N, C-alpha and C. Protein backbone atom coordinates (compact mmCIF):
# COMPACT_ATOMS: atom_id res chain seq x y z
N MET A 1 11.27 -71.35 125.90
CA MET A 1 10.01 -71.20 125.21
C MET A 1 10.09 -70.00 124.27
N THR A 2 9.77 -70.18 123.01
CA THR A 2 9.79 -69.12 122.02
C THR A 2 8.42 -68.47 121.96
N PRO A 3 8.37 -67.13 121.92
CA PRO A 3 7.07 -66.47 121.84
C PRO A 3 6.39 -66.77 120.51
N PRO A 4 5.06 -66.68 120.47
CA PRO A 4 4.32 -66.94 119.24
C PRO A 4 4.74 -65.98 118.13
N VAL A 5 4.65 -66.42 116.89
CA VAL A 5 4.98 -65.60 115.74
C VAL A 5 4.13 -64.33 115.79
N GLY A 6 4.77 -63.19 115.50
CA GLY A 6 4.06 -61.93 115.54
C GLY A 6 4.05 -61.30 116.93
N GLN A 7 4.52 -62.03 117.94
CA GLN A 7 4.56 -61.51 119.30
C GLN A 7 5.97 -61.66 119.88
N GLU A 8 6.98 -61.47 119.04
CA GLU A 8 8.36 -61.65 119.48
C GLU A 8 8.74 -60.65 120.58
N TRP A 9 8.22 -59.42 120.48
CA TRP A 9 8.52 -58.39 121.47
C TRP A 9 7.26 -58.05 122.23
N GLU A 10 7.30 -58.27 123.54
CA GLU A 10 6.14 -58.00 124.38
C GLU A 10 6.38 -56.72 125.18
N PRO A 11 5.52 -55.69 125.00
CA PRO A 11 5.66 -54.49 125.81
C PRO A 11 5.35 -54.82 127.27
N VAL A 12 6.21 -54.33 128.18
CA VAL A 12 6.06 -54.69 129.59
C VAL A 12 5.72 -53.47 130.45
N CYS A 13 6.46 -52.38 130.28
CA CYS A 13 6.23 -51.18 131.07
C CYS A 13 6.97 -50.01 130.43
N ARG A 14 6.79 -48.84 130.98
CA ARG A 14 7.56 -47.68 130.52
C ARG A 14 8.92 -47.69 131.24
N LEU A 15 9.95 -47.24 130.56
CA LEU A 15 11.28 -47.18 131.16
C LEU A 15 11.24 -46.39 132.46
N GLU A 16 10.52 -45.29 132.48
CA GLU A 16 10.46 -44.44 133.68
C GLU A 16 9.79 -45.13 134.86
N ASP A 17 9.04 -46.23 134.61
CA ASP A 17 8.40 -46.97 135.69
C ASP A 17 9.37 -47.88 136.44
N LEU A 18 10.52 -48.16 135.83
CA LEU A 18 11.51 -49.03 136.48
C LEU A 18 12.44 -48.17 137.33
N GLU A 19 12.57 -48.53 138.60
CA GLU A 19 13.48 -47.81 139.48
C GLU A 19 14.92 -48.22 139.15
N VAL A 20 15.82 -47.27 139.21
CA VAL A 20 17.23 -47.53 138.93
C VAL A 20 17.81 -48.43 140.02
N GLU A 21 18.54 -49.47 139.55
CA GLU A 21 19.21 -50.43 140.43
C GLU A 21 18.25 -51.22 141.30
N ARG A 22 17.01 -51.35 140.85
CA ARG A 22 16.00 -52.16 141.55
C ARG A 22 15.39 -53.13 140.54
N GLY A 23 14.84 -54.21 141.00
CA GLY A 23 14.20 -55.18 140.12
C GLY A 23 12.69 -55.02 140.12
N ALA A 24 12.08 -55.54 139.07
CA ALA A 24 10.62 -55.58 138.96
C ALA A 24 10.25 -56.90 138.30
N ALA A 25 9.26 -57.56 138.82
CA ALA A 25 8.81 -58.84 138.25
C ALA A 25 7.68 -58.60 137.27
N ALA A 26 7.66 -59.39 136.20
CA ALA A 26 6.60 -59.29 135.19
C ALA A 26 6.38 -60.66 134.58
N LEU A 27 5.17 -60.88 134.08
CA LEU A 27 4.86 -62.09 133.34
C LEU A 27 5.04 -61.77 131.86
N VAL A 28 6.00 -62.42 131.23
CA VAL A 28 6.35 -62.14 129.84
C VAL A 28 6.36 -63.45 129.06
N HIS A 29 5.57 -63.51 128.01
CA HIS A 29 5.47 -64.73 127.21
C HIS A 29 5.17 -65.94 128.10
N GLY A 30 4.39 -65.72 129.15
CA GLY A 30 4.01 -66.80 130.05
C GLY A 30 5.07 -67.20 131.06
N GLN A 31 6.17 -66.44 131.13
CA GLN A 31 7.27 -66.75 132.04
C GLN A 31 7.45 -65.63 133.05
N ALA A 32 7.81 -65.97 134.29
CA ALA A 32 8.12 -64.96 135.31
C ALA A 32 9.51 -64.41 135.02
N VAL A 33 9.56 -63.11 134.77
CA VAL A 33 10.81 -62.45 134.38
C VAL A 33 11.11 -61.32 135.37
N ALA A 34 12.39 -61.15 135.68
CA ALA A 34 12.85 -60.06 136.52
C ALA A 34 13.52 -59.02 135.63
N LEU A 35 13.06 -57.77 135.70
CA LEU A 35 13.62 -56.68 134.91
C LEU A 35 14.49 -55.82 135.81
N PHE A 36 15.62 -55.35 135.27
CA PHE A 36 16.54 -54.52 136.04
C PHE A 36 16.99 -53.35 135.18
N ARG A 37 16.93 -52.15 135.76
CA ARG A 37 17.41 -50.93 135.10
C ARG A 37 18.65 -50.47 135.84
N THR A 38 19.75 -50.32 135.10
CA THR A 38 21.01 -49.90 135.72
C THR A 38 21.11 -48.37 135.72
N HIS A 39 22.11 -47.86 136.41
CA HIS A 39 22.30 -46.41 136.54
C HIS A 39 22.49 -45.71 135.20
N ASP A 40 22.93 -46.44 134.17
CA ASP A 40 23.13 -45.85 132.85
C ASP A 40 21.95 -46.15 131.90
N ASP A 41 20.80 -46.48 132.49
CA ASP A 41 19.53 -46.72 131.77
C ASP A 41 19.53 -47.93 130.85
N ARG A 42 20.44 -48.86 131.06
CA ARG A 42 20.34 -50.14 130.35
C ARG A 42 19.34 -51.00 131.12
N VAL A 43 18.58 -51.80 130.38
CA VAL A 43 17.58 -52.67 131.01
C VAL A 43 17.90 -54.12 130.64
N TYR A 44 17.83 -54.98 131.63
CA TYR A 44 18.10 -56.40 131.45
C TYR A 44 16.91 -57.21 131.93
N ALA A 45 16.75 -58.40 131.38
CA ALA A 45 15.68 -59.30 131.80
C ALA A 45 16.26 -60.69 132.03
N LEU A 46 15.99 -61.23 133.21
CA LEU A 46 16.41 -62.58 133.57
C LEU A 46 15.19 -63.34 134.06
N ALA A 47 15.28 -64.66 134.01
CA ALA A 47 14.24 -65.46 134.65
C ALA A 47 14.22 -65.09 136.13
N ASN A 48 13.05 -65.01 136.71
CA ASN A 48 12.92 -64.59 138.11
C ASN A 48 13.23 -65.71 139.09
N HIS A 49 13.50 -66.89 138.62
CA HIS A 49 13.70 -68.10 139.44
C HIS A 49 15.15 -68.22 139.91
N ASP A 50 15.35 -68.28 141.22
CA ASP A 50 16.68 -68.52 141.79
C ASP A 50 16.89 -70.03 141.85
N PRO A 51 17.84 -70.56 141.08
CA PRO A 51 18.03 -72.01 141.05
C PRO A 51 18.56 -72.61 142.36
N PHE A 52 19.14 -71.80 143.24
CA PHE A 52 19.66 -72.30 144.50
C PHE A 52 18.55 -72.44 145.54
N SER A 53 17.70 -71.46 145.65
CA SER A 53 16.62 -71.52 146.64
C SER A 53 15.33 -72.10 146.06
N ARG A 54 15.29 -72.20 144.73
CA ARG A 54 14.10 -72.69 144.02
C ARG A 54 12.88 -71.80 144.28
N ALA A 55 13.13 -70.51 144.43
CA ALA A 55 12.05 -69.55 144.67
C ALA A 55 12.11 -68.45 143.60
N SER A 56 10.98 -67.85 143.32
CA SER A 56 10.91 -66.76 142.34
C SER A 56 11.19 -65.44 143.05
N VAL A 57 12.48 -65.12 143.21
CA VAL A 57 12.86 -63.98 144.04
C VAL A 57 13.91 -63.05 143.43
N LEU A 58 14.44 -63.33 142.25
CA LEU A 58 15.54 -62.52 141.74
C LEU A 58 15.18 -61.05 141.59
N ALA A 59 13.92 -60.75 141.28
CA ALA A 59 13.50 -59.34 141.13
C ALA A 59 13.67 -58.57 142.44
N ARG A 60 13.75 -59.27 143.56
CA ARG A 60 13.92 -58.61 144.86
C ARG A 60 15.40 -58.55 145.26
N GLY A 61 16.29 -58.96 144.35
CA GLY A 61 17.71 -58.99 144.66
C GLY A 61 18.36 -57.62 144.64
N ILE A 62 19.63 -57.60 145.04
CA ILE A 62 20.42 -56.37 145.10
C ILE A 62 21.26 -56.28 143.83
N VAL A 63 21.17 -55.14 143.15
CA VAL A 63 21.94 -54.91 141.93
C VAL A 63 23.29 -54.31 142.30
N GLY A 64 24.34 -54.82 141.68
CA GLY A 64 25.69 -54.33 141.94
C GLY A 64 26.58 -54.51 140.73
N THR A 65 27.87 -54.30 140.93
CA THR A 65 28.86 -54.43 139.87
C THR A 65 30.09 -55.14 140.41
N ARG A 66 30.59 -56.11 139.66
CA ARG A 66 31.89 -56.75 139.94
C ARG A 66 32.77 -56.44 138.75
N GLY A 67 33.77 -55.61 138.94
CA GLY A 67 34.59 -55.17 137.81
C GLY A 67 33.69 -54.43 136.83
N GLU A 68 33.57 -54.96 135.63
CA GLU A 68 32.73 -54.35 134.60
C GLU A 68 31.39 -55.07 134.44
N VAL A 69 31.10 -56.03 135.31
CA VAL A 69 29.91 -56.87 135.16
C VAL A 69 28.80 -56.42 136.11
N ASP A 70 27.68 -55.99 135.52
CA ASP A 70 26.49 -55.70 136.32
C ASP A 70 25.85 -57.02 136.71
N PHE A 71 25.41 -57.13 137.98
CA PHE A 71 24.83 -58.38 138.44
C PHE A 71 23.68 -58.11 139.40
N VAL A 72 22.89 -59.16 139.65
CA VAL A 72 21.90 -59.13 140.72
C VAL A 72 22.27 -60.25 141.68
N ALA A 73 22.24 -59.94 142.97
CA ALA A 73 22.49 -60.94 144.01
C ALA A 73 21.14 -61.40 144.54
N SER A 74 20.92 -62.68 144.52
CA SER A 74 19.67 -63.24 145.02
C SER A 74 19.48 -62.87 146.48
N PRO A 75 18.26 -62.50 146.86
CA PRO A 75 18.02 -62.15 148.27
C PRO A 75 18.07 -63.37 149.19
N MET A 76 18.03 -64.57 148.64
CA MET A 76 18.01 -65.77 149.48
C MET A 76 19.40 -66.19 149.94
N HIS A 77 20.28 -66.52 148.98
CA HIS A 77 21.61 -67.04 149.35
C HIS A 77 22.73 -66.16 148.82
N LYS A 78 22.37 -65.00 148.26
CA LYS A 78 23.32 -63.98 147.80
C LYS A 78 24.18 -64.38 146.61
N HIS A 79 23.81 -65.44 145.88
CA HIS A 79 24.54 -65.77 144.66
C HIS A 79 24.32 -64.66 143.64
N ALA A 80 25.38 -64.28 142.93
CA ALA A 80 25.31 -63.19 141.95
C ALA A 80 25.13 -63.74 140.54
N PHE A 81 24.23 -63.11 139.78
CA PHE A 81 23.94 -63.51 138.40
C PHE A 81 24.22 -62.34 137.47
N ASP A 82 25.02 -62.58 136.44
CA ASP A 82 25.36 -61.58 135.43
C ASP A 82 24.06 -61.12 134.75
N LEU A 83 23.79 -59.83 134.75
CA LEU A 83 22.55 -59.33 134.15
C LEU A 83 22.52 -59.51 132.63
N ARG A 84 23.69 -59.59 131.99
CA ARG A 84 23.73 -59.75 130.53
C ARG A 84 23.43 -61.17 130.09
N THR A 85 23.97 -62.13 130.84
CA THR A 85 23.91 -63.53 130.37
C THR A 85 23.13 -64.47 131.28
N GLY A 86 22.92 -64.08 132.54
CA GLY A 86 22.27 -64.96 133.50
C GLY A 86 23.22 -65.93 134.18
N ARG A 87 24.49 -65.91 133.80
CA ARG A 87 25.48 -66.83 134.37
C ARG A 87 25.75 -66.47 135.84
N CYS A 88 25.81 -67.47 136.67
CA CYS A 88 26.11 -67.27 138.08
C CYS A 88 27.60 -66.95 138.21
N LEU A 89 27.92 -65.84 138.85
CA LEU A 89 29.33 -65.44 139.02
C LEU A 89 30.02 -66.23 140.11
N ASP A 90 29.24 -66.93 140.93
CA ASP A 90 29.80 -67.71 142.03
C ASP A 90 29.91 -69.20 141.73
N ASP A 91 29.28 -69.65 140.66
CA ASP A 91 29.29 -71.06 140.28
C ASP A 91 29.07 -71.14 138.77
N ASP A 92 30.14 -71.37 138.01
CA ASP A 92 30.09 -71.38 136.54
C ASP A 92 29.15 -72.44 135.97
N HIS A 93 28.74 -73.40 136.76
CA HIS A 93 27.87 -74.47 136.28
C HIS A 93 26.39 -74.11 136.36
N VAL A 94 26.08 -72.93 136.91
CA VAL A 94 24.68 -72.54 137.13
C VAL A 94 24.39 -71.24 136.40
N SER A 95 23.20 -71.16 135.83
CA SER A 95 22.76 -69.92 135.19
C SER A 95 21.24 -69.87 135.18
N VAL A 96 20.72 -68.69 134.91
CA VAL A 96 19.29 -68.50 134.70
C VAL A 96 19.11 -67.96 133.29
N ALA A 97 17.92 -68.10 132.76
CA ALA A 97 17.65 -67.62 131.41
C ALA A 97 17.75 -66.10 131.35
N SER A 98 18.28 -65.61 130.25
CA SER A 98 18.30 -64.16 130.00
C SER A 98 17.49 -63.91 128.73
N TYR A 99 16.92 -62.72 128.64
CA TYR A 99 16.02 -62.38 127.54
C TYR A 99 16.48 -61.10 126.86
N GLU A 100 16.22 -61.01 125.56
CA GLU A 100 16.51 -59.80 124.82
C GLU A 100 15.59 -58.69 125.32
N VAL A 101 16.13 -57.46 125.36
CA VAL A 101 15.35 -56.30 125.80
C VAL A 101 15.63 -55.15 124.84
N ARG A 102 14.59 -54.39 124.55
CA ARG A 102 14.78 -53.16 123.78
C ARG A 102 13.81 -52.11 124.33
N ILE A 103 14.15 -50.86 124.04
CA ILE A 103 13.30 -49.74 124.45
C ILE A 103 12.81 -49.07 123.17
N GLU A 104 11.51 -49.01 122.99
CA GLU A 104 10.90 -48.37 121.82
C GLU A 104 9.95 -47.29 122.30
N SER A 105 10.23 -46.04 121.95
CA SER A 105 9.39 -44.90 122.34
C SER A 105 9.14 -44.88 123.85
N GLY A 106 10.19 -45.20 124.62
CA GLY A 106 10.10 -45.17 126.07
C GLY A 106 9.46 -46.38 126.71
N VAL A 107 9.11 -47.39 125.89
CA VAL A 107 8.47 -48.60 126.40
C VAL A 107 9.47 -49.76 126.39
N VAL A 108 9.61 -50.42 127.53
CA VAL A 108 10.48 -51.59 127.65
C VAL A 108 9.77 -52.77 127.02
N GLN A 109 10.45 -53.42 126.08
CA GLN A 109 9.91 -54.60 125.42
C GLN A 109 10.86 -55.77 125.64
N VAL A 110 10.31 -56.92 125.95
CA VAL A 110 11.11 -58.11 126.17
C VAL A 110 10.87 -59.08 125.02
N GLY A 111 11.96 -59.59 124.49
CA GLY A 111 11.90 -60.51 123.36
C GLY A 111 12.14 -61.94 123.79
N SER A 112 12.74 -62.67 122.90
CA SER A 112 12.93 -64.10 123.13
C SER A 112 14.12 -64.36 124.06
N ARG A 113 14.15 -65.57 124.55
CA ARG A 113 15.23 -66.04 125.41
C ARG A 113 16.52 -66.03 124.60
N GLN A 114 17.59 -65.55 125.19
CA GLN A 114 18.87 -65.51 124.51
C GLN A 114 19.53 -66.88 124.53
N GLU A 115 20.22 -67.17 123.47
CA GLU A 115 20.95 -68.43 123.40
C GLU A 115 22.16 -68.36 124.31
N ARG A 116 22.51 -69.48 124.90
CA ARG A 116 23.67 -69.56 125.77
C ARG A 116 24.94 -69.42 124.92
N ARG A 117 25.88 -68.62 125.45
CA ARG A 117 27.16 -68.48 124.78
C ARG A 117 28.16 -69.41 125.47
N ALA A 118 29.04 -69.94 124.69
CA ALA A 118 30.07 -70.81 125.26
C ALA A 118 31.01 -69.98 126.15
N SER A 119 31.44 -70.53 127.26
CA SER A 119 32.36 -69.84 128.17
C SER A 119 33.75 -69.85 127.58
N ALA A 120 34.48 -68.82 127.90
CA ALA A 120 35.88 -68.74 127.42
C ALA A 120 36.80 -69.45 128.37
């Protein structure tokens, strides 16, 4: 779903309101989104829906790193999702939507859904 014209970036919260390595759920452009702030202050947004359990729980997942990839592990079945792309690290055929994020004057803003990139 593309946000309405003129509302491409929706302010969600202040960066300081997001706990490091923890998720937070928000309603953005009418969609349930999970926001994650990493230890280096990067912020990612994924759909909050876990496709394996069919529950809106990703914001309650555990944030970690595999090699150079930051991920969130679903609290239900522990499947890991790449915070950058939404791709499941445990099953290449599964992914969740990822959203553009920017920080403007300390405010986290979420933009449109990112296009899927072809796998290498």
